[in-house]
Protein backbone atom coordinates (compact mmCIF):
# COMPACT_ATOMS: atom_id res chain seq x y z
CA UNK A 1 -22.72 -95.59 121.68
CA UNK A 2 -26.17 -97.21 121.48
CA UNK A 3 -26.74 -96.54 125.17
CA UNK A 4 -25.48 -92.96 124.84
CA UNK A 5 -27.82 -92.31 121.92
CA UNK A 6 -30.68 -93.75 123.95
CA UNK A 7 -29.89 -91.48 126.91
CA UNK A 8 -29.59 -88.56 124.50
CA UNK A 9 -33.29 -88.86 123.69
CA UNK A 10 -34.25 -87.90 127.24
CA UNK A 11 -36.06 -84.51 127.16
CA UNK A 12 -34.11 -81.40 128.16
CA UNK A 13 -36.03 -80.82 131.45
CA UNK A 14 -35.07 -84.30 132.68
CA UNK A 15 -31.47 -83.91 131.51
CA UNK A 16 -31.20 -80.69 133.47
CA UNK A 17 -32.45 -82.49 136.57
CA UNK A 18 -29.56 -84.90 135.98
CA UNK A 19 -27.26 -81.89 135.65
CA UNK A 20 -28.46 -80.57 139.02
CA UNK A 21 -27.72 -83.95 140.59
CA UNK A 22 -24.25 -83.98 139.02
CA UNK A 23 -23.63 -80.49 140.43
CA UNK A 24 -24.56 -81.65 143.93
CA UNK A 25 -22.27 -84.69 143.71
CA UNK A 26 -19.38 -83.09 141.83
CA UNK A 27 -19.28 -79.73 143.58
CA UNK A 28 -20.84 -80.25 146.99
CA UNK A 29 -19.70 -83.77 147.84
CA UNK A 30 -16.64 -84.65 145.73
CA UNK A 31 -15.29 -81.16 145.13
CA UNK A 32 -14.07 -81.94 141.61
CA UNK A 33 -10.90 -79.87 141.02
CA UNK A 34 -12.12 -77.15 143.38
CA UNK A 35 -8.62 -76.22 144.55
CA UNK A 36 -7.50 -75.70 140.96
CA UNK A 37 -10.61 -73.71 140.07
CA UNK A 38 -10.21 -71.48 143.14
CA UNK A 39 -6.55 -70.84 142.32
CA UNK A 40 -7.27 -70.04 138.68
CA UNK A 41 -10.06 -67.62 139.59
CA UNK A 42 -8.07 -65.87 142.31
CA UNK A 43 -5.03 -65.36 140.06
CA UNK A 44 -7.16 -64.22 137.12
CA UNK A 45 -9.33 -61.75 139.06
CA UNK A 46 -7.21 -60.28 141.87
CA UNK A 47 -9.57 -57.29 142.04
CA UNK A 48 -12.65 -59.36 142.89
CA UNK A 49 -13.84 -60.10 146.42
CA UNK A 50 -14.08 -63.59 147.90
CA UNK A 51 -17.88 -63.38 147.62
CA UNK A 52 -17.71 -62.52 143.92
CA UNK A 53 -15.28 -65.35 143.23
CA UNK A 54 -17.48 -67.79 145.12
CA UNK A 55 -20.49 -66.85 142.97
CA UNK A 56 -18.45 -67.30 139.80
CA UNK A 57 -17.15 -70.65 141.05
CA UNK A 58 -20.63 -72.02 141.78
CA UNK A 59 -22.04 -70.83 138.47
CA UNK A 60 -19.07 -72.33 136.62
CA UNK A 61 -19.79 -75.77 138.08
CA UNK A 62 -23.46 -75.47 137.15
CA UNK A 63 -22.46 -74.53 133.61
CA UNK A 64 -20.00 -77.43 133.48
CA UNK A 65 -22.70 -79.94 134.43
CA UNK A 66 -25.10 -78.43 131.89
CA UNK A 67 -22.33 -78.76 129.30
CA UNK A 68 -22.12 -82.52 129.94
CA UNK A 69 -25.83 -83.21 129.38
CA UNK A 70 -26.03 -80.77 126.46
CA UNK A 71 -23.12 -82.48 124.73
CA UNK A 72 -24.90 -85.81 125.23
CA UNK A 73 -28.05 -84.30 123.71
CA UNK A 74 -26.06 -83.34 120.62
CA UNK A 75 -26.23 -86.99 119.48
CA UNK A 76 -29.96 -86.76 118.70
CA UNK A 77 -31.02 -83.09 118.81
CA UNK A 78 -32.91 -81.96 115.73
CA UNK A 79 -31.63 -79.26 113.39
CA UNK A 80 -34.63 -77.07 114.24
CA UNK A 81 -34.04 -77.39 117.98
CA UNK A 82 -30.32 -76.68 117.69
CA UNK A 83 -30.91 -73.58 115.56
CA UNK A 84 -33.34 -72.29 118.18
CA UNK A 85 -30.94 -72.90 121.05
CA UNK A 86 -27.66 -71.82 119.39
CA UNK A 87 -28.08 -68.53 117.59
CA UNK A 88 -25.49 -66.50 115.70
CA UNK A 89 -25.11 -62.76 115.36
CA UNK A 90 -23.10 -60.77 112.81
CA UNK A 91 -23.18 -63.59 110.25
CA UNK A 92 -22.20 -60.95 107.70
CA UNK A 93 -18.68 -61.01 109.15
CA UNK A 94 -18.18 -64.46 107.62
CA UNK A 95 -20.68 -64.45 104.76
CA UNK A 96 -18.94 -61.49 103.13
CA UNK A 97 -15.77 -63.56 102.73
CA UNK A 98 -17.65 -66.64 101.50
CA UNK A 99 -19.41 -64.49 98.89
CA UNK A 100 -15.96 -63.43 97.70
CA UNK A 101 -14.85 -67.05 97.44
CA UNK A 102 -12.57 -66.77 100.50
CA UNK A 103 -12.25 -69.38 103.24
CA UNK A 104 -11.65 -68.24 106.82
CA UNK A 105 -10.08 -69.40 110.07
CA UNK A 106 -12.63 -69.49 112.90
CA UNK A 107 -11.15 -69.32 116.40
CA UNK A 108 -13.08 -69.96 119.60
CA UNK A 109 -12.31 -70.56 123.26
CA UNK A 110 -13.62 -73.04 125.81
CA UNK A 111 -16.72 -70.99 126.57
CA UNK A 112 -19.88 -73.00 127.12
CA UNK A 113 -21.05 -74.57 124.96
CA UNK A 114 -18.28 -74.85 122.41
CA UNK A 115 -19.49 -78.32 121.31
CA UNK A 116 -22.76 -76.82 120.12
CA UNK A 117 -20.83 -74.07 118.35
CA UNK A 118 -19.09 -76.48 115.96
CA UNK A 119 -22.24 -78.49 115.20
CA UNK A 120 -24.54 -75.47 114.82
CA UNK A 121 -21.97 -73.47 112.86
CA UNK A 122 -21.96 -76.15 110.17
CA UNK A 123 -25.68 -75.50 109.62
CA UNK A 124 -24.79 -72.04 108.30
CA UNK A 125 -21.67 -72.79 106.23
CA UNK A 126 -19.14 -75.61 105.63
CA UNK A 127 -16.86 -76.17 108.63
CA UNK A 128 -13.62 -78.10 109.08
CA UNK A 129 -12.75 -78.49 112.75
CA UNK A 130 -9.42 -79.42 114.30
CA UNK A 131 -9.55 -82.02 117.07
CA UNK A 132 -7.21 -83.92 119.37
CA UNK A 133 -7.72 -87.66 119.02
CA UNK A 134 -8.58 -89.25 122.38
CA UNK A 135 -7.01 -92.39 123.81
CA UNK A 136 -10.48 -93.76 124.59
CA UNK A 137 -12.12 -95.07 121.42
CA UNK A 138 -15.60 -94.66 122.93
CA UNK A 139 -15.02 -91.05 123.97
CA UNK A 140 -13.42 -90.27 120.62
CA UNK A 141 -16.38 -91.72 118.70
CA UNK A 142 -18.85 -89.95 120.98
CA UNK A 143 -17.13 -86.59 120.48
CA UNK A 144 -16.92 -86.94 116.70
CA UNK A 145 -20.52 -88.18 116.39
CA UNK A 146 -21.90 -85.00 117.93
CA UNK A 147 -19.61 -82.58 116.14
CA UNK A 148 -20.08 -84.09 112.68
CA UNK A 149 -23.86 -84.68 112.80
CA UNK A 150 -24.65 -81.75 110.54
CA UNK A 151 -21.76 -82.07 108.11
CA UNK A 152 -18.67 -80.65 109.84
CA UNK A 153 -15.43 -82.24 108.62
CA UNK A 154 -12.89 -83.40 111.26
CA UNK A 155 -9.13 -82.80 110.93
CA UNK A 156 -6.73 -84.49 113.31
CA UNK A 157 -4.58 -81.98 115.15
CA UNK A 158 -1.24 -83.27 113.90
CA UNK A 159 -2.48 -83.20 110.28
CA UNK A 160 -3.96 -79.70 110.29
CA UNK A 161 -1.33 -78.07 108.03
CA UNK A 162 -1.32 -80.92 105.50
CA UNK A 163 -5.11 -81.26 105.29
CA UNK A 164 -5.71 -77.51 105.25
CA UNK A 165 -3.49 -77.24 102.19
CA UNK A 166 -5.03 -80.27 100.47
CA UNK A 167 -8.53 -78.83 101.05
CA UNK A 168 -7.79 -75.26 99.96
CA UNK A 169 -10.18 -75.75 97.04
CA UNK A 170 -13.06 -76.23 99.54
CA UNK A 171 -14.76 -73.02 100.61
CA UNK A 172 -15.12 -73.36 104.39
CA UNK A 173 -14.30 -72.14 107.86
CA UNK A 174 -11.41 -73.88 109.63
CA UNK A 175 -12.56 -74.02 113.26
CA UNK A 176 -10.03 -74.24 116.10
CA UNK A 177 -10.50 -74.03 119.88
CA UNK A 178 -6.96 -73.24 120.97
CA UNK A 179 -6.98 -71.61 124.41
CA UNK A 180 -5.73 -74.56 126.45
CA UNK A 181 -2.12 -75.09 127.51
CA UNK A 182 0.06 -76.09 124.51
CA UNK A 183 1.68 -79.11 126.10
CA UNK A 184 1.52 -81.81 123.45
CA UNK A 185 4.75 -83.11 121.92
CA UNK A 186 6.54 -80.39 120.02
CA UNK A 187 3.96 -77.65 120.55
CA UNK A 188 5.53 -74.25 120.03
CA UNK A 189 4.51 -71.74 122.66
CA UNK A 190 3.85 -68.04 122.32
CA UNK A 191 3.95 -66.21 125.64
CA UNK A 192 1.82 -63.20 126.45
CA UNK A 193 0.04 -61.59 129.41
CA UNK A 194 -3.43 -63.08 129.79
CA UNK A 195 -5.74 -62.56 132.78
CA UNK A 196 -2.90 -60.93 134.75
CA UNK A 197 -0.58 -63.89 134.20
CA UNK A 198 2.21 -64.86 131.85
CA UNK A 199 0.47 -67.43 129.67
CA UNK A 200 1.49 -69.75 126.84
CA UNK A 201 -0.67 -69.97 123.71
CA UNK A 202 -0.40 -72.22 120.69
CA UNK A 203 1.96 -70.50 118.26
CA UNK A 204 0.59 -72.84 115.59
CA UNK A 205 -2.56 -70.78 115.06
CA UNK A 206 -0.41 -67.87 113.93
CA UNK A 207 1.62 -70.19 111.72
CA UNK A 208 -1.55 -71.57 110.15
CA UNK A 209 -2.80 -68.06 109.37
CA UNK A 210 0.52 -67.29 107.68
CA UNK A 211 0.40 -70.56 105.73
CA UNK A 212 -3.19 -70.19 104.48
CA UNK A 213 -3.46 -66.38 104.34
CA UNK A 214 -7.11 -66.57 105.46
CA UNK A 215 -9.06 -63.89 107.33
CA UNK A 216 -9.47 -64.78 111.03
CA UNK A 217 -12.82 -64.56 112.82
CA UNK A 218 -13.36 -65.07 116.56
CA UNK A 219 -16.57 -66.73 117.80
CA UNK A 220 -17.58 -65.14 121.09
CA UNK A 221 -20.08 -67.43 122.85
CA UNK A 222 -22.36 -66.41 125.69
CA UNK A 223 -24.94 -68.37 127.64
CA UNK A 224 -28.16 -66.35 127.53
CA UNK A 225 -30.11 -68.73 129.77
CA UNK A 226 -30.13 -72.44 130.51
CA UNK A 227 -29.92 -74.33 127.23
CA UNK A 228 -29.72 -71.21 125.05
CA UNK A 229 -26.56 -69.62 123.63
CA UNK A 230 -25.53 -66.79 121.38
CA UNK A 231 -22.36 -66.65 119.32
CA UNK A 232 -21.08 -63.42 117.79
CA UNK A 233 -18.65 -63.51 114.88
CA UNK A 234 -15.92 -60.88 115.29
CA UNK A 235 -13.30 -60.23 112.61
CA UNK A 236 -9.93 -59.99 114.41
CA UNK A 237 -7.41 -59.98 111.54
CA UNK A 238 -6.98 -60.15 107.79
CA UNK A 239 -4.07 -61.04 105.49
CA UNK A 240 -1.41 -60.39 104.44
CA UNK A 241 0.49 -61.96 107.34
CA UNK A 242 4.26 -61.86 107.27
CA UNK A 243 6.31 -64.99 107.89
CA UNK A 244 6.96 -65.41 111.62
CA UNK A 245 4.14 -63.06 112.61
CA UNK A 246 2.31 -63.79 115.88
CA UNK A 247 -0.21 -61.02 115.38
CA UNK A 248 -3.14 -63.45 115.13
CA UNK A 249 -2.17 -65.15 118.41
CA UNK A 250 -2.07 -61.78 120.17
CA UNK A 251 -5.49 -60.79 118.86
CA UNK A 252 -6.90 -64.21 119.77
CA UNK A 253 -5.61 -63.94 123.34
CA UNK A 254 -7.16 -60.47 123.71
CA UNK A 255 -10.51 -61.62 122.28
CA UNK A 256 -10.58 -64.61 124.63
CA UNK A 257 -9.72 -62.44 127.62
CA UNK A 258 -12.49 -60.00 126.70
CA UNK A 259 -15.24 -62.64 126.60
CA UNK A 260 -14.01 -64.21 129.86
CA UNK A 261 -14.09 -60.86 131.64
CA UNK A 262 -17.61 -60.29 130.29
CA UNK A 263 -18.84 -63.72 131.36
CA UNK A 264 -16.32 -65.25 133.80
CA UNK A 265 -18.46 -68.26 134.80
CA UNK A 266 -18.63 -69.38 131.18
CA UNK A 267 -14.99 -70.46 130.76
CA UNK A 268 -13.41 -73.84 131.53
CA UNK A 269 -11.68 -73.03 134.83
CA UNK A 270 -11.08 -76.69 135.73
CA UNK A 271 -8.36 -76.95 133.07
CA UNK A 272 -4.83 -76.64 134.50
CA UNK A 273 -4.13 -73.69 132.22
CA UNK A 274 -1.08 -72.30 134.00
CA UNK A 275 0.67 -75.53 135.02
CA UNK A 276 3.97 -74.42 133.47
CA UNK A 277 5.68 -71.09 133.24
CA UNK A 278 8.19 -69.63 130.84
């Protein structure tokens, strides 16, 4: 961690030179997961030409490499710098509920840079974030160090229901990035059509909404230019939610699909999202 913090102090221009080098090695020479990325893009955008898909593919890999160095920078970036580089629009969508003494569920997808979203979001209001504990102690500590730098509170994935109930007295946003394949242990799957494919989503986000009866806000992130992002808060549902309802999951899937279609190179295409079918 000492070495990572030291590297994190390298100025952004130099880090982006490192990102360019990583792009050349990872995309041009090694071809990191290129077959999977090509398959995911082709199946998700059957209407696009090969040239369009190629442009999206290249830009995705550039964004992925930028994500790596930006996440490293999160260890030492100042509050002022992070506020400048990660801006939020429609803050009223969440502040209205906080003013009423209501906590919210904040859903996001793996749009670059979701790591900055958690850290910067906690500068505006209290945030609990749900995370999957990693097998590597170093990687786990690195991930938590960046996300919690400005006060965000971590909740282990398998404890989310228990801790969310025990912390109901805390006014906050419960942040969850839940668009990857639900393939851990006893994950319950909710199937819907997403990007032209039958896709499984985490049913647990709907169950959590029912349990807590919180309004649900989606954080739509877009990369405006290199090193600068904008996140828009969009209210997608409000209680009451009936027991067994999957309404929130449906709305989440639609919101995620919308931001991907708007900015296709900004999503994590190297994840094996459709590795299993219903």
